Protein backbone atom coordinates (compact mmCIF):
# COMPACT_ATOMS: atom_id res chain seq x y z
CA MET A 1 84.50 8.71 21.73
CA LYS A 2 82.59 5.54 20.84
CA LYS A 3 79.63 6.80 22.88
CA THR A 4 79.74 10.16 21.14
CA SER A 5 79.94 8.53 17.71
CA LEU A 6 76.98 6.31 18.54
CA THR A 7 74.95 9.32 19.66
CA VAL A 8 75.75 11.21 16.45
CA ALA A 9 74.82 8.16 14.37
CA ILE A 10 71.44 7.88 16.11
CA LEU A 11 70.72 11.57 15.60
CA VAL A 12 71.62 11.36 11.89
CA LEU A 13 69.37 8.31 11.47
CA ALA A 14 66.51 10.10 13.20
CA LEU A 15 66.89 13.12 10.94
CA ILE A 16 66.90 10.90 7.83
CA LEU A 17 63.73 9.12 8.94
CA ALA A 18 62.02 12.43 9.72
CA ALA A 19 62.96 13.80 6.30
CA CYS A 20 61.52 10.70 4.59
CA GLY A 21 58.31 11.12 6.54
CA ASN A 22 58.01 14.78 5.55
CA LYS A 23 58.64 13.93 1.91
CA ASN A 24 55.83 11.38 1.85
CA ASN A 25 53.37 13.82 3.45
CA SER A 26 54.31 16.58 1.03
CA ALA A 27 53.87 14.34 -2.00
CA GLY A 28 50.44 13.31 -0.82
CA GLY A 29 49.35 16.95 -0.54
CA SER A 30 50.71 17.80 -3.96
CA ALA A 31 48.88 14.92 -5.61
CA SER A 32 45.62 16.31 -4.31
CA SER A 33 46.17 19.99 -5.07
CA ASP A 34 47.78 19.43 -8.47
CA ALA A 35 45.17 16.98 -9.77
CA PRO A 36 43.54 18.13 -13.02
CA ALA A 37 40.23 19.92 -12.54
CA SER A 38 38.34 17.37 -14.62
CA GLY A 39 35.60 16.22 -12.30
CA PRO A 40 35.09 12.57 -11.39
CA ALA A 41 38.78 11.85 -11.88
CA SER A 42 39.73 14.79 -9.63
CA GLU A 43 39.43 14.08 -5.94
CA SER A 44 40.60 15.41 -2.61
CA PRO A 45 42.29 12.97 -0.14
CA ASN A 46 38.80 12.07 1.08
CA ASP A 47 37.34 11.61 -2.40
CA SER A 48 36.15 8.47 -4.16
CA ASN A 49 35.84 7.73 -7.87
CA SER A 50 32.64 5.82 -7.23
CA GLY A 51 30.94 8.87 -5.74
CA ASN A 52 29.10 6.48 -3.42
CA THR A 53 31.50 5.85 -0.54
CA PRO A 54 30.21 7.50 2.66
CA GLY A 55 32.31 10.45 3.78
CA LYS A 56 34.15 10.75 0.48
CA VAL A 57 33.52 13.54 -1.98
CA THR A 58 34.23 13.78 -5.73
CA LYS A 59 34.88 17.21 -7.20
CA ILE A 60 32.82 18.08 -10.28
CA ILE A 61 33.65 21.00 -12.57
CA VAL A 62 30.46 22.55 -13.94
CA GLY A 63 30.77 24.73 -17.04
CA THR A 64 28.35 27.58 -17.71
CA GLY A 65 28.31 31.05 -19.27
CA THR A 66 27.81 34.66 -18.20
CA HIS A 67 25.81 36.23 -21.05
CA PHE A 68 22.39 34.58 -20.79
CA PRO A 69 20.10 36.92 -18.80
CA LYS A 70 18.25 35.22 -15.94
CA VAL A 71 19.87 31.87 -16.81
CA CYS A 72 23.61 32.33 -16.22
CA PHE A 73 24.87 35.89 -15.80
CA ILE A 74 26.80 38.24 -13.53
CA ASP A 75 24.47 40.39 -11.44
CA ASP A 76 25.01 43.99 -10.32
CA ASN A 77 26.95 42.78 -7.29
CA GLY A 78 29.37 40.78 -9.43
CA LYS A 79 27.81 37.44 -8.46
CA LEU A 80 27.29 34.59 -10.91
CA THR A 81 23.62 33.62 -10.71
CA GLY A 82 20.53 32.74 -12.75
CA PHE A 83 18.17 29.80 -13.17
CA ASP A 84 20.75 27.22 -14.29
CA VAL A 85 23.35 28.41 -11.78
CA GLU A 86 20.99 28.32 -8.80
CA LEU A 87 19.64 24.95 -9.92
CA VAL A 88 23.16 23.52 -9.95
CA ARG A 89 23.68 24.87 -6.43
CA GLU A 90 20.46 23.21 -5.26
CA ILE A 91 21.53 19.90 -6.81
CA ASP A 92 24.92 20.24 -5.14
CA LYS A 93 23.21 20.54 -1.73
CA ARG A 94 21.42 17.23 -2.30
CA LEU A 95 24.39 15.20 -3.53
CA SER A 96 26.72 14.85 -0.56
CA GLN A 97 29.01 12.51 -2.52
CA TYR A 98 29.90 15.35 -4.94
CA GLU A 99 31.25 18.88 -4.65
CA PHE A 100 30.31 21.14 -7.57
CA ASP A 101 32.72 23.86 -8.71
CA ILE A 102 30.99 26.20 -11.16
CA GLN A 103 33.30 27.77 -13.74
CA THR A 104 32.42 30.17 -16.56
CA GLN A 105 33.41 30.12 -20.21
CA GLU A 106 32.19 31.46 -23.53
CA PHE A 107 29.25 29.37 -24.67
CA LYS A 108 31.01 28.23 -27.84
CA SER A 109 33.82 26.71 -25.75
CA LEU A 110 31.69 24.61 -23.40
CA LEU A 111 31.32 21.49 -25.54
CA LEU A 112 34.99 21.38 -26.44
CA SER A 113 35.88 21.76 -22.76
CA LEU A 114 33.58 18.83 -21.98
CA GLU A 115 35.26 16.67 -24.61
CA THR A 116 38.76 17.55 -23.39
CA LYS A 117 37.83 16.90 -19.73
CA LYS A 118 38.32 20.48 -18.60
CA ILE A 119 34.78 20.36 -17.27
CA ASP A 120 32.48 17.46 -16.33
CA LEU A 121 29.01 18.90 -16.79
CA VAL A 122 27.50 21.62 -18.98
CA ALA A 123 24.72 23.77 -17.48
CA HIS A 124 23.50 26.28 -20.05
CA GLU A 125 19.91 25.43 -21.03
CA MET A 126 21.22 22.71 -23.35
CA GLU A 127 18.55 21.43 -25.70
CA LYS A 128 18.58 17.73 -26.51
CA ASN A 129 18.70 17.01 -30.23
CA PRO A 130 19.89 14.08 -32.41
CA GLU A 131 23.13 15.80 -33.42
CA ARG A 132 24.19 16.32 -29.83
CA GLU A 133 23.06 12.88 -28.73
CA GLU A 134 25.55 11.33 -31.13
CA LYS A 135 28.47 12.91 -29.26
CA TYR A 136 27.36 13.61 -25.70
CA LEU A 137 25.52 12.06 -22.78
CA PHE A 138 22.36 13.73 -21.49
CA ASN A 139 20.78 13.02 -18.15
CA LYS A 140 17.25 11.60 -18.40
CA GLU A 141 15.19 13.90 -16.18
CA PRO A 142 14.52 17.27 -17.91
CA TYR A 143 14.66 20.41 -15.82
CA ALA A 144 12.95 22.58 -18.45
CA HIS A 145 11.18 22.33 -21.79
CA TRP A 146 11.21 24.93 -24.53
CA ARG A 147 9.90 25.73 -28.00
CA ASN A 148 12.02 27.49 -30.62
CA LYS A 149 10.54 30.18 -32.87
CA ILE A 150 11.71 32.81 -35.34
CA VAL A 151 12.37 36.22 -33.81
CA VAL A 152 12.25 39.44 -35.85
CA ALA A 153 11.98 43.18 -35.32
CA LYS A 154 8.61 44.25 -33.95
CA ASP A 155 7.61 46.07 -37.16
CA ASN A 156 8.61 43.16 -39.46
CA ASP A 157 5.52 41.45 -40.87
CA SER A 158 7.15 39.75 -43.86
CA ILE A 159 8.78 36.77 -42.12
CA HIS A 160 6.81 33.85 -40.71
CA THR A 161 8.63 30.68 -41.81
CA LEU A 162 12.14 29.45 -42.56
CA ASP A 163 11.29 29.71 -46.27
CA ASP A 164 10.75 33.44 -45.75
CA LEU A 165 14.36 33.64 -44.55
CA LYS A 166 15.86 32.51 -47.87
CA GLY A 167 18.52 34.99 -48.91
CA LYS A 168 18.35 36.69 -45.54
CA LYS A 169 20.76 36.84 -42.59
CA VAL A 170 19.94 34.91 -39.42
CA LEU A 171 21.92 35.48 -36.23
CA VAL A 172 22.58 32.40 -34.07
CA GLY A 173 25.10 31.26 -31.51
CA ALA A 174 27.82 28.87 -32.67
CA THR A 175 27.13 25.26 -31.53
CA SER A 176 23.62 26.28 -30.38
CA ALA A 177 20.48 24.24 -31.00
CA GLU A 178 19.08 27.17 -32.96
CA ALA A 179 22.10 27.12 -35.25
CA GLN A 180 21.46 23.43 -35.88
CA ILE A 181 17.91 24.19 -37.03
CA VAL A 182 19.22 26.57 -39.69
CA LEU A 183 22.04 24.20 -40.69
CA ASN A 184 19.54 21.37 -41.15
CA TYR A 185 17.34 23.62 -43.28
CA ASN A 186 20.31 24.70 -45.40
CA LYS A 187 21.30 21.10 -46.10
CA ASP A 188 18.04 20.63 -47.99
CA HIS A 189 17.88 24.10 -49.53
CA GLY A 190 21.35 24.81 -50.87
CA ASP A 191 22.50 27.05 -48.02
CA ALA A 192 19.64 29.41 -48.77
CA ILE A 193 19.82 31.14 -45.39
CA LYS A 194 22.90 33.22 -44.58
CA ILE A 195 24.09 32.28 -41.09
CA VAL A 196 25.73 34.95 -38.96
CA TYR A 197 27.27 33.76 -35.71
CA THR A 198 26.95 36.07 -32.76
CA ASN A 199 30.06 37.09 -30.87
CA GLY A 200 28.38 39.43 -28.42
CA GLY A 201 25.79 39.36 -25.68
CA THR A 202 22.02 39.70 -25.86
CA ASN A 203 22.18 43.47 -26.33
CA ASP A 204 24.14 42.86 -29.51
CA THR A 205 21.46 40.45 -30.76
CA VAL A 206 18.68 43.00 -30.30
CA GLU A 207 20.72 45.80 -31.84
CA GLN A 208 21.70 43.79 -34.92
CA ILE A 209 18.08 42.88 -35.67
CA VAL A 210 16.63 46.33 -34.97
CA SER A 211 19.34 48.03 -37.05
CA GLY A 212 18.80 45.66 -39.96
CA ARG A 213 22.31 44.20 -39.97
CA VAL A 214 20.60 40.83 -39.69
CA ASP A 215 16.99 39.91 -40.42
CA ALA A 216 16.16 37.49 -37.64
CA THR A 217 17.29 35.10 -34.97
CA LEU A 218 15.82 31.96 -33.43
CA ALA A 219 15.05 31.74 -29.75
CA ALA A 220 13.22 29.69 -27.16
CA ASP A 221 9.76 30.82 -26.11
CA PHE A 222 10.87 31.84 -22.62
CA ALA A 223 14.01 33.64 -23.78
CA LEU A 224 12.56 36.61 -25.69
CA PRO A 225 11.47 38.72 -22.68
CA LEU A 226 14.83 37.95 -21.08
CA ILE A 227 16.99 39.07 -23.99
CA ASP A 228 14.63 41.87 -25.07
CA PRO A 229 13.13 43.52 -21.97
CA GLN A 230 12.21 46.65 -23.98
CA SER A 231 10.10 44.57 -26.41
CA LYS A 232 11.84 45.68 -29.59
CA LEU A 233 11.47 42.18 -31.05
CA LYS A 234 8.69 39.63 -31.48
CA THR A 235 8.28 35.92 -32.23
CA THR A 236 6.61 34.94 -35.47
CA GLY A 237 5.26 31.81 -37.14
CA ASP A 238 4.81 28.30 -35.81
CA THR A 239 7.08 26.45 -33.41
CA LEU A 240 10.17 25.22 -35.28
CA SER A 241 11.19 22.67 -32.68
CA GLU A 242 10.61 21.79 -29.07
CA ALA A 243 12.82 19.82 -26.79
CA ASP A 244 13.72 18.88 -23.28
CA ILE A 245 16.45 20.85 -21.53
CA LEU A 246 19.01 18.75 -19.72
CA PHE A 247 22.58 18.72 -18.49
CA MET A 248 25.34 17.36 -20.71
CA PHE A 249 28.15 14.94 -19.81
CA ARG A 250 30.86 12.99 -21.57
CA LYS A 251 29.60 9.98 -23.47
CA ASN A 252 30.87 6.44 -22.90
CA ASP A 253 32.29 7.43 -19.53
CA GLU A 254 31.40 5.28 -16.51
CA GLU A 255 31.91 8.04 -13.95
CA ALA A 256 29.92 10.50 -16.06
CA GLN A 257 27.05 8.03 -16.15
CA LYS A 258 27.11 7.72 -12.35
CA LEU A 259 27.07 11.49 -12.05
CA SER A 260 24.20 11.75 -14.54
CA ASP A 261 22.14 9.20 -12.61
CA ALA A 262 22.77 11.06 -9.35
CA VAL A 263 21.72 14.36 -10.94
CA ASP A 264 18.50 12.72 -12.16
CA GLY A 265 17.70 11.67 -8.62
CA ALA A 266 18.23 15.20 -7.33
CA ILE A 267 16.08 16.75 -10.07
CA LYS A 268 13.23 14.35 -9.25
CA GLU A 269 13.41 15.50 -5.62
CA LEU A 270 13.44 19.15 -6.69
CA LYS A 271 10.36 18.57 -8.84
CA ALA A 272 8.54 16.66 -6.11
CA ASP A 273 9.04 19.30 -3.41
CA GLY A 274 8.26 22.23 -5.75
CA THR A 275 11.73 23.77 -5.67
CA LEU A 276 12.33 23.41 -9.42
CA GLY A 277 9.07 25.11 -10.36
CA LYS A 278 9.77 27.95 -7.92
CA LEU A 279 13.24 28.50 -9.39
CA SER A 280 11.83 28.65 -12.92
CA THR A 281 9.10 31.11 -11.94
CA GLU A 282 11.56 33.26 -9.99
CA TRP A 283 14.12 33.53 -12.76
CA LEU A 284 12.19 32.95 -16.00
CA GLY A 285 8.82 34.43 -15.06
CA HIS A 286 6.92 31.17 -15.59
CA ASP A 287 7.18 27.48 -14.77
CA PHE A 288 8.94 26.06 -17.84
CA THR A 289 9.94 22.85 -16.08
CA ALA A 290 7.30 20.58 -17.63
CA ASP A 291 6.28 19.59 -21.17
CA GLN A 292 2.93 21.40 -21.32
């Protein structure tokens, strides 16, 4: 009886120890899979917050859109692609310490998602301007450069400057650099221009201008043939602003700064070996990657 009792006791102890071991392994797996998808703070069991430890990878959530033709859009096969998307994928190949997960959102939600740590990096042809610099971190190495101009219907010869838009409706995207140009003008001119925020894609922009529901929009020099392939619109007047195009990160964030520096290194490589220029020409029809 004593021998039987001893055997039972040993078996029970073994089962308890096995259960404890299984519990620890399960908790470790859950910590990895349930971690918030917020980039540098989100890592797999082999990840590292520093992003520099050999063999360890930090997951980065990249936010982009789906309604910018040739930049970030869904193609006929249902694939997310475009200049910014393919550039991010090229950068991902060159940064072994990071794993980029590209996720799509409405453009107007990207900056809020960055602030609330739902994403770690914004890739959507983001123009650097003073207003954005106050709140967000930009990397230092531009991957494109553009010039903003007024865009009107092809038969409209009455608008050439922002002053010509007084009392008229201008269509812009919420939180866009173009919207900021109009807002800055309105601050000094008593809200003279009526701002209409777009809630549709590029087809909606063209239709609203051609139909007369709005009088104009603002757009980058490279963007017009992309949003208006049938040439129903035209640019007019002088350049309103020009700026470098960069990626955006959270400000005052040590891990975001490390990521930004790493991205700069990758972009320099892509410029040096010609890959960046080729991507721009392939998707945008011209090499817009330099300030020229």
